[in-house]
C-alpha atoms as a PDB file:
ATOM      1  CA  UNK A   1     -38.136 -76.676  42.603  1.00  0.00           C
ATOM      2  CA  UNK A   2     -36.699 -73.706  41.323  1.00  0.00           C
ATOM      3  CA  UNK A   3     -33.091 -75.106  39.831  1.00  0.00           C
ATOM      4  CA  UNK A   4     -29.984 -73.559  38.952  1.00  0.00           C
ATOM      5  CA  UNK A   5     -28.448 -74.815  35.922  1.00  0.00           C
ATOM      6  CA  UNK A   6     -24.886 -75.642  35.124  1.00  0.00           C
ATOM      7  CA  UNK A   7     -22.504 -74.107  32.137  1.00  0.00           C
ATOM      8  CA  UNK A   8     -23.302 -77.589  30.342  1.00  0.00           C
ATOM      9  CA  UNK A   9     -26.940 -76.967  30.863  1.00  0.00           C
ATOM     10  CA  UNK A  10     -27.094 -73.336  29.607  1.00  0.00           C
ATOM     11  CA  UNK A  11     -25.090 -74.128  26.495  1.00  0.00           C
ATOM     12  CA  UNK A  12     -27.213 -77.218  25.611  1.00  0.00           C
ATOM     13  CA  UNK A  13     -30.138 -74.317  25.710  1.00  0.00           C
ATOM     14  CA  UNK A  14     -28.372 -71.742  24.367  1.00  0.00           C
ATOM     15  CA  UNK A  15     -27.801 -74.223  21.030  1.00  0.00           C
ATOM     16  CA  UNK A  16     -31.953 -74.783  21.470  1.00  0.00           C
ATOM     17  CA  UNK A  17     -32.373 -70.995  21.759  1.00  0.00           C
ATOM     18  CA  UNK A  18     -30.418 -70.386  18.518  1.00  0.00           C
ATOM     19  CA  UNK A  19     -32.571 -72.781  16.151  1.00  0.00           C
ATOM     20  CA  UNK A  20     -35.967 -71.191  18.204  1.00  0.00           C
ATOM     21  CA  UNK A  21     -34.751 -67.016  17.005  1.00  0.00           C
ATOM     22  CA  UNK A  22     -33.664 -69.459  13.691  1.00  0.00           C
ATOM     23  CA  UNK A  23     -36.677 -70.813  12.874  1.00  0.00           C
ATOM     24  CA  UNK A  24     -38.617 -67.818  13.981  1.00  0.00           C
ATOM     25  CA  UNK A  25     -36.423 -65.979  11.663  1.00  0.00           C
ATOM     26  CA  UNK A  26     -37.508 -68.629   8.926  1.00  0.00           C
ATOM     27  CA  UNK A  27     -40.889 -68.250   9.627  1.00  0.00           C
ATOM     28  CA  UNK A  28     -41.373 -64.567   9.499  1.00  0.00           C
ATOM     29  CA  UNK A  29     -40.086 -64.584   5.848  1.00  0.00           C
ATOM     30  CA  UNK A  30     -42.798 -66.896   4.645  1.00  0.00           C
ATOM     31  CA  UNK A  31     -45.877 -64.943   6.549  1.00  0.00           C
ATOM     32  CA  UNK A  32     -48.213 -63.338   3.644  1.00  0.00           C
ATOM     33  CA  UNK A  33     -51.691 -63.205   3.182  1.00  0.00           C
ATOM     34  CA  UNK A  34     -53.260 -66.891   1.756  1.00  0.00           C
ATOM     35  CA  UNK A  35     -51.749 -69.048   3.581  1.00  0.00           C
ATOM     36  CA  UNK A  36     -52.784 -71.116   6.514  1.00  0.00           C
ATOM     37  CA  UNK A  37     -51.377 -71.722   9.627  1.00  0.00           C
ATOM     38  CA  UNK A  38     -50.913 -75.231   9.135  1.00  0.00           C
ATOM     39  CA  UNK A  39     -48.340 -74.764   6.228  1.00  0.00           C
ATOM     40  CA  UNK A  40     -46.517 -72.231   8.958  1.00  0.00           C
ATOM     41  CA  UNK A  41     -46.339 -75.237  11.592  1.00  0.00           C
ATOM     42  CA  UNK A  42     -45.190 -77.462   9.281  1.00  0.00           C
ATOM     43  CA  UNK A  43     -42.449 -76.007   7.486  1.00  0.00           C
ATOM     44  CA  UNK A  44     -41.317 -74.841  11.002  1.00  0.00           C
ATOM     45  CA  UNK A  45     -41.457 -78.514  12.345  1.00  0.00           C
ATOM     46  CA  UNK A  46     -39.205 -79.814   9.172  1.00  0.00           C
ATOM     47  CA  UNK A  47     -36.805 -76.695   9.907  1.00  0.00           C
ATOM     48  CA  UNK A  48     -36.476 -77.270  13.744  1.00  0.00           C
ATOM     49  CA  UNK A  49     -35.968 -81.188  12.403  1.00  0.00           C
ATOM     50  CA  UNK A  50     -33.268 -80.355  10.010  1.00  0.00           C
ATOM     51  CA  UNK A  51     -31.399 -78.863  12.383  1.00  0.00           C
ATOM     52  CA  UNK A  52     -30.846 -80.957  14.271  1.00  0.00           C
ATOM     53  CA  UNK A  53     -33.645 -79.936  16.834  1.00  0.00           C
ATOM     54  CA  UNK A  54     -37.340 -81.760  18.535  1.00  0.00           C
ATOM     55  CA  UNK A  55     -40.516 -79.768  18.461  1.00  0.00           C
ATOM     56  CA  UNK A  56     -40.805 -78.967  22.237  1.00  0.00           C
ATOM     57  CA  UNK A  57     -44.359 -78.509  21.882  1.00  0.00           C
ATOM     58  CA  UNK A  58     -46.500 -81.273  19.899  1.00  0.00           C
ATOM     59  CA  UNK A  59     -48.219 -83.945  21.978  1.00  0.00           C
ATOM     60  CA  UNK A  60     -46.789 -81.700  25.340  1.00  0.00           C
ATOM     61  CA  UNK A  61     -50.497 -82.437  27.805  1.00  0.00           C
ATOM     62  CA  UNK A  62     -52.149 -83.631  24.187  1.00  0.00           C
ATOM     63  CA  UNK A  63     -51.578 -80.494  22.140  1.00  0.00           C
ATOM     64  CA  UNK A  64     -51.583 -81.483  18.372  1.00  0.00           C
ATOM     65  CA  UNK A  65     -49.611 -79.130  16.922  1.00  0.00           C
ATOM     66  CA  UNK A  66     -45.673 -78.236  16.736  1.00  0.00           C
ATOM     67  CA  UNK A  67     -45.686 -74.609  17.126  1.00  0.00           C
ATOM     68  CA  UNK A  68     -48.994 -72.622  18.313  1.00  0.00           C
ATOM     69  CA  UNK A  69     -49.841 -70.070  15.882  1.00  0.00           C
ATOM     70  CA  UNK A  70     -52.583 -67.480  17.606  1.00  0.00           C
ATOM     71  CA  UNK A  71     -54.110 -64.724  15.105  1.00  0.00           C
ATOM     72  CA  UNK A  72     -55.874 -61.581  15.798  1.00  0.00           C
ATOM     73  CA  UNK A  73     -57.908 -62.130  19.382  1.00  0.00           C
ATOM     74  CA  UNK A  74     -55.978 -65.530  19.853  1.00  0.00           C
ATOM     75  CA  UNK A  75     -53.982 -65.151  22.717  1.00  0.00           C
ATOM     76  CA  UNK A  76     -52.100 -68.095  22.887  1.00  0.00           C
ATOM     77  CA  UNK A  77     -52.429 -71.689  22.051  1.00  0.00           C
ATOM     78  CA  UNK A  78     -53.809 -71.526  18.660  1.00  0.00           C
ATOM     79  CA  UNK A  79     -54.236 -74.727  16.760  1.00  0.00           C
ATOM     80  CA  UNK A  80     -52.482 -74.603  13.487  1.00  0.00           C
ATOM     81  CA  UNK A  81     -55.666 -75.599  10.797  1.00  0.00           C
ATOM     82  CA  UNK A  82     -55.697 -75.919   6.668  1.00  0.00           C
ATOM     83  CA  UNK A  83     -59.043 -74.124   7.513  1.00  0.00           C
ATOM     84  CA  UNK A  84     -57.319 -70.996   9.229  1.00  0.00           C
ATOM     85  CA  UNK A  85     -56.040 -68.538   5.952  1.00  0.00           C
ATOM     86  CA  UNK A  86     -54.041 -65.435   6.968  1.00  0.00           C
ATOM     87  CA  UNK A  87     -55.752 -62.385   5.739  1.00  0.00           C
ATOM     88  CA  UNK A  88     -54.064 -58.704   4.788  1.00  0.00           C
ATOM     89  CA  UNK A  89     -54.346 -57.051   7.981  1.00  0.00           C
ATOM     90  CA  UNK A  90     -54.295 -59.842  10.911  1.00  0.00           C
ATOM     91  CA  UNK A  91     -51.313 -60.672  13.320  1.00  0.00           C
ATOM     92  CA  UNK A  92     -50.285 -63.910  14.248  1.00  0.00           C
ATOM     93  CA  UNK A  93     -48.235 -64.828  16.927  1.00  0.00           C
ATOM     94  CA  UNK A  94     -45.856 -67.709  16.534  1.00  0.00           C
ATOM     95  CA  UNK A  95     -44.724 -69.459  20.012  1.00  0.00           C
ATOM     96  CA  UNK A  96     -41.772 -71.978  19.560  1.00  0.00           C
ATOM     97  CA  UNK A  97     -40.022 -74.882  21.544  1.00  0.00           C
ATOM     98  CA  UNK A  98     -36.863 -76.333  20.647  1.00  0.00           C
ATOM     99  CA  UNK A  99     -35.704 -79.354  22.696  1.00  0.00           C
ATOM    100  CA  UNK A 100     -32.116 -80.539  21.934  1.00  0.00           C
ATOM    101  CA  UNK A 101     -30.850 -83.429  24.453  1.00  0.00           C
ATOM    102  CA  UNK A 102     -34.198 -82.819  26.740  1.00  0.00           C
ATOM    103  CA  UNK A 103     -33.726 -79.297  27.179  1.00  0.00           C
ATOM    104  CA  UNK A 104     -36.045 -76.705  25.929  1.00  0.00           C
ATOM    105  CA  UNK A 105     -36.144 -73.291  25.051  1.00  0.00           C
ATOM    106  CA  UNK A 106     -39.350 -71.157  24.374  1.00  0.00           C
ATOM    107  CA  UNK A 107     -39.667 -67.935  22.470  1.00  0.00           C
ATOM    108  CA  UNK A 108     -42.913 -66.659  20.636  1.00  0.00           C
ATOM    109  CA  UNK A 109     -43.462 -63.889  18.423  1.00  0.00           C
ATOM    110  CA  UNK A 110     -45.847 -61.535  16.615  1.00  0.00           C
ATOM    111  CA  UNK A 111     -46.173 -60.312  13.347  1.00  0.00           C
ATOM    112  CA  UNK A 112     -47.971 -58.220  11.075  1.00  0.00           C
ATOM    113  CA  UNK A 113     -50.021 -59.756   7.644  1.00  0.00           C
ATOM    114  CA  UNK A 114     -48.975 -57.311   5.280  1.00  0.00           C
ATOM    115  CA  UNK A 115     -50.347 -53.719   6.291  1.00  0.00           C
ATOM    116  CA  UNK A 116     -52.198 -53.417   9.505  1.00  0.00           C
ATOM    117  CA  UNK A 117     -54.022 -51.132  11.281  1.00  0.00           C
ATOM    118  CA  UNK A 118     -52.749 -48.613  14.094  1.00  0.00           C
ATOM    119  CA  UNK A 119     -54.632 -50.295  17.339  1.00  0.00           C
ATOM    120  CA  UNK A 120     -52.671 -53.408  15.831  1.00  0.00           C
ATOM    121  CA  UNK A 121     -49.285 -51.517  15.216  1.00  0.00           C
ATOM    122  CA  UNK A 122     -49.130 -49.908  18.430  1.00  0.00           C
ATOM    123  CA  UNK A 123     -50.288 -53.221  20.199  1.00  0.00           C
ATOM    124  CA  UNK A 124     -47.360 -54.880  18.796  1.00  0.00           C
ATOM    125  CA  UNK A 125     -44.964 -52.115  19.508  1.00  0.00           C
ATOM    126  CA  UNK A 126     -45.918 -51.704  23.044  1.00  0.00           C
ATOM    127  CA  UNK A 127     -45.776 -55.224  23.907  1.00  0.00           C
ATOM    128  CA  UNK A 128     -42.527 -55.942  22.557  1.00  0.00           C
ATOM    129  CA  UNK A 129     -40.936 -53.337  24.571  1.00  0.00           C
ATOM    130  CA  UNK A 130     -42.901 -54.111  27.415  1.00  0.00           C
ATOM    131  CA  UNK A 131     -41.009 -57.459  27.204  1.00  0.00           C
ATOM    132  CA  UNK A 132     -37.363 -55.683  27.312  1.00  0.00           C
ATOM    133  CA  UNK A 133     -38.497 -53.423  30.544  1.00  0.00           C
ATOM    134  CA  UNK A 134     -39.578 -56.509  31.889  1.00  0.00           C
ATOM    135  CA  UNK A 135     -36.059 -58.317  31.755  1.00  0.00           C
ATOM    136  CA  UNK A 136     -34.077 -55.211  32.807  1.00  0.00           C
ATOM    137  CA  UNK A 137     -35.489 -56.214  35.889  1.00  0.00           C
ATOM    138  CA  UNK A 138     -33.529 -59.425  36.058  1.00  0.00           C
ATOM    139  CA  UNK A 139     -30.070 -59.772  37.807  1.00  0.00           C
ATOM    140  CA  UNK A 140     -28.603 -61.968  40.543  1.00  0.00           C
ATOM    141  CA  UNK A 141     -30.744 -60.857  44.054  1.00  0.00           C
ATOM    142  CA  UNK A 142     -33.188 -59.363  42.220  1.00  0.00           C
ATOM    143  CA  UNK A 143     -36.611 -59.776  42.999  1.00  0.00           C
ATOM    144  CA  UNK A 144     -39.150 -61.903  40.898  1.00  0.00           C
ATOM    145  CA  UNK A 145     -42.151 -59.588  40.797  1.00  0.00           C
ATOM    146  CA  UNK A 146     -40.074 -56.354  39.905  1.00  0.00           C
ATOM    147  CA  UNK A 147     -40.782 -58.062  36.229  1.00  0.00           C
ATOM    148  CA  UNK A 148     -43.755 -58.299  36.357  1.00  0.00           C
ATOM    149  CA  UNK A 149     -44.337 -55.270  38.075  1.00  0.00           C
ATOM    150  CA  UNK A 150     -42.555 -52.893  35.337  1.00  0.00           C
ATOM    151  CA  UNK A 151     -44.496 -54.608  32.670  1.00  0.00           C
ATOM    152  CA  UNK A 152     -47.923 -54.254  34.001  1.00  0.00           C
ATOM    153  CA  UNK A 153     -47.109 -50.260  34.799  1.00  0.00           C
ATOM    154  CA  UNK A 154     -45.853 -49.971  31.301  1.00  0.00           C
ATOM    155  CA  UNK A 155     -48.990 -51.421  29.509  1.00  0.00           C
ATOM    156  CA  UNK A 156     -50.792 -49.516  31.610  1.00  0.00           C
ATOM    157  CA  UNK A 157     -49.489 -46.543  30.905  1.00  0.00           C
ATOM    158  CA  UNK A 158     -49.941 -47.218  27.573  1.00  0.00           C
ATOM    159  CA  UNK A 159     -53.570 -48.085  27.874  1.00  0.00           C
ATOM    160  CA  UNK A 160     -53.237 -51.913  27.022  1.00  0.00           C
ATOM    161  CA  UNK A 161     -54.365 -55.103  29.328  1.00  0.00           C
ATOM    162  CA  UNK A 162     -52.608 -57.556  30.799  1.00  0.00           C
ATOM    163  CA  UNK A 163     -53.955 -60.969  30.756  1.00  0.00           C
ATOM    164  CA  UNK A 164     -53.554 -62.439  34.168  1.00  0.00           C
ATOM    165  CA  UNK A 165     -54.624 -66.327  33.320  1.00  0.00           C
ATOM    166  CA  UNK A 166     -51.477 -66.535  31.570  1.00  0.00           C
ATOM    167  CA  UNK A 167     -47.514 -66.796  32.925  1.00  0.00           C
ATOM    168  CA  UNK A 168     -44.035 -67.075  32.067  1.00  0.00           C
ATOM    169  CA  UNK A 169     -41.832 -69.770  33.467  1.00  0.00           C
ATOM    170  CA  UNK A 170     -39.144 -71.875  34.080  1.00  0.00           C
ATOM    171  CA  UNK A 171     -37.423 -73.632  31.565  1.00  0.00           C
ATOM    172  CA  UNK A 172     -34.981 -76.590  31.312  1.00  0.00           C
ATOM    173  CA  UNK A 173     -35.587 -80.048  31.282  1.00  0.00           C
ATOM    174  CA  UNK A 174     -39.573 -79.318  31.484  1.00  0.00           C
ATOM    175  CA  UNK A 175     -40.878 -77.039  29.507  1.00  0.00           C
ATOM    176  CA  UNK A 176     -42.732 -75.595  32.203  1.00  0.00           C
ATOM    177  CA  UNK A 177     -40.922 -75.282  35.397  1.00  0.00           C
ATOM    178  CA  UNK A 178     -40.690 -73.489  38.688  1.00  0.00           C
ATOM    179  CA  UNK A 179     -40.900 -70.388  38.975  1.00  0.00           C
ATOM    180  CA  UNK A 180     -44.153 -69.031  38.157  1.00  0.00           C
ATOM    181  CA  UNK A 181     -43.235 -65.723  36.045  1.00  0.00           C
ATOM    182  CA  UNK A 182     -46.481 -63.457  36.376  1.00  0.00           C
ATOM    183  CA  UNK A 183     -47.049 -60.120  34.090  1.00  0.00           C
ATOM    184  CA  UNK A 184     -48.011 -58.285  37.345  1.00  0.00           C
ATOM    185  CA  UNK A 185     -47.465 -57.854  40.837  1.00  0.00           C
ATOM    186  CA  UNK A 186     -45.892 -55.769  43.191  1.00  0.00           C
ATOM    187  CA  UNK A 187     -42.522 -54.340  43.385  1.00  0.00           C
ATOM    188  CA  UNK A 188     -39.801 -56.118  45.680  1.00  0.00           C
ATOM    189  CA  UNK A 189     -42.105 -58.638  46.231  1.00  0.00           C
ATOM    190  CA  UNK A 190     -40.827 -62.372  45.392  1.00  0.00           C
ATOM    191  CA  UNK A 191     -38.560 -65.262  45.430  1.00  0.00           C
ATOM    192  CA  UNK A 192     -35.017 -63.589  45.225  1.00  0.00           C
ATOM    193  CA  UNK A 193     -33.043 -64.535  41.774  1.00  0.00           C
ATOM    194  CA  UNK A 194     -30.314 -66.216  41.786  1.00  0.00           C
ATOM    195  CA  UNK A 195     -27.553 -66.788  38.427  1.00  0.00           C
ATOM    196  CA  UNK A 196     -28.059 -69.887  36.518  1.00  0.00           C
ATOM    197  CA  UNK A 197     -32.022 -70.269  37.005  1.00  0.00           C
ATOM    198  CA  UNK A 198     -33.069 -69.662  33.630  1.00  0.00           C
ATOM    199  CA  UNK A 199     -37.072 -68.424  33.440  1.00  0.00           C
ATOM    200  CA  UNK A 200     -39.206 -67.303  30.003  1.00  0.00           C
ATOM    201  CA  UNK A 201     -40.812 -64.020  30.355  1.00  0.00           C
ATOM    202  CA  UNK A 202     -44.059 -63.152  28.103  1.00  0.00           C
ATOM    203  CA  UNK A 203     -46.012 -60.416  28.316  1.00  0.00           C
ATOM    204  CA  UNK A 204     -49.608 -61.049  26.783  1.00  0.00           C
ATOM    205  CA  UNK A 205     -51.017 -57.837  26.292  1.00  0.00           C
ATOM    206  CA  UNK A 206     -54.966 -57.024  24.940  1.00  0.00           C
ATOM    207  CA  UNK A 207     -55.556 -53.984  23.090  1.00  0.00           C
ATOM    208  CA  UNK A 208     -59.353 -53.967  25.131  1.00  0.00           C
ATOM    209  CA  UNK A 209     -60.317 -56.128  27.938  1.00  0.00           C
ATOM    210  CA  UNK A 210     -57.383 -58.325  30.144  1.00  0.00           C
ATOM    211  CA  UNK A 211     -60.160 -60.733  30.190  1.00  0.00           C
ATOM    212  CA  UNK A 212     -60.123 -64.420  27.955  1.00  0.00           C
ATOM    213  CA  UNK A 213     -62.572 -67.237  26.824  1.00  0.00           C
ATOM    214  CA  UNK A 214     -61.206 -70.717  26.208  1.00  0.00           C
ATOM    215  CA  UNK A 215     -62.380 -71.898  22.949  1.00  0.00           C
ATOM    216  CA  UNK A 216     -64.448 -75.418  22.383  1.00  0.00           C
ATOM    217  CA  UNK A 217     -61.246 -76.882  21.477  1.00  0.00           C
ATOM    218  CA  UNK A 218     -60.014 -76.683  24.980  1.00  0.00           C
ATOM    219  CA  UNK A 219     -56.355 -75.120  23.381  1.00  0.00           C
ATOM    220  CA  UNK A 220     -57.292 -71.735  21.621  1.00  0.00           C
ATOM    221  CA  UNK A 221     -57.399 -68.801  24.362  1.00  0.00           C
ATOM    222  CA  UNK A 222     -59.229 -65.707  23.108  1.00  0.00           C
ATOM    223  CA  UNK A 223     -59.986 -62.119  24.294  1.00  0.00           C
ATOM    224  CA  UNK A 224     -63.493 -62.145  25.639  1.00  0.00           C
ATOM    225  CA  UNK A 225     -63.639 -59.022  23.466  1.00  0.00           C
ATOM    226  CA  UNK A 226     -62.834 -59.680  20.240  1.00  0.00           C
ATOM    227  CA  UNK A 227     -60.270 -57.448  20.643  1.00  0.00           C
ATOM    228  CA  UNK A 228     -56.493 -57.727  19.153  1.00  0.00           C
ATOM    229  CA  UNK A 229     -53.602 -59.385  21.569  1.00  0.00           C
ATOM    230  CA  UNK A 230     -49.913 -59.489  21.377  1.00  0.00           C
ATOM    231  CA  UNK A 231     -47.223 -62.193  22.823  1.00  0.00           C
ATOM    232  CA  UNK A 232     -43.510 -61.652  23.123  1.00  0.00           C
ATOM    233  CA  UNK A 233     -41.470 -63.903  24.923  1.00  0.00           C
ATOM    234  CA  UNK A 234     -37.712 -64.695  25.355  1.00  0.00           C
ATOM    235  CA  UNK A 235     -35.916 -67.260  27.254  1.00  0.00           C
ATOM    236  CA  UNK A 236     -33.172 -65.787  29.538  1.00  0.00           C
ATOM    237  CA  UNK A 237     -30.488 -66.983  32.167  1.00  0.00           C
ATOM    238  CA  UNK A 238     -30.056 -64.683  34.747  1.00  0.00           C
ATOM    239  CA  UNK A 239     -26.638 -63.860  35.747  1.00  0.00           C
ATOM    240  CA  UNK A 240     -24.471 -61.828  38.009  1.00  0.00           C
ATOM    241  CA  UNK A 241     -25.227 -58.412  36.953  1.00  0.00           C
ATOM    242  CA  UNK A 242     -28.131 -58.632  34.177  1.00  0.00           C
ATOM    243  CA  UNK A 243     -29.326 -61.749  31.728  1.00  0.00           C
ATOM    244  CA  UNK A 244     -28.640 -63.644  28.747  1.00  0.00           C
ATOM    245  CA  UNK A 245     -31.164 -63.739  26.210  1.00  0.00           C
ATOM    246  CA  UNK A 246     -30.847 -67.753  24.995  1.00  0.00           C
ATOM    247  CA  UNK A 247     -33.701 -67.894  21.818  1.00  0.00           C
ATOM    248  CA  UNK A 248     -31.518 -64.607  20.003  1.00  0.00           C
ATOM    249  CA  UNK A 249     -28.705 -65.088  17.715  1.00  0.00           C
END
């Protein structure tokens, strides 16, 4: 069931979203060659708790990390590890969930490790741009699939592929609520968005084919062809004339 959030609920989600944003800003400053993905996970866990939040992903459906750390061809759900060392030229996607008083926020961003090549630079630039192009479609009375239609249109225009098996989602007292928010679709179709709905929009775009594989850990999802993937996500609330980002400043 799709829920309309009250002003009080939205304020709690905004608090969770603000800590999420601050966690991203903190971790961004730590990213450099030679650190492990587990180090980023542990620093995120500590930062979130010190700021009054709870890591939303830890033990979610059995997930063992406090955040997801996905490197290069890893699309999502990379498990932090002491054995996974970041190297010059990598890109790393940090997907972070924060809970405040039972309400979730969800945000992902992809960062360069040192200097990256043109392919990765271009992938990150256009995936971030695709997120905001999708967000522009959001307002009371708009159709849900307008978001994905614009994201996929932009991605294909720039010769990037859209991961179709993974989608955005509603957010609230559960991390994943209705509705699903795909990154593709036909314009002017889908449910009607209403003021007070809270959704996470999260394009995952690949430099190569859209096809994916799941690793033996049953969590990490990678590109089938081994080429890089980028992931950008904001949690937003639908307003009368647009949207408000809850996972920003």
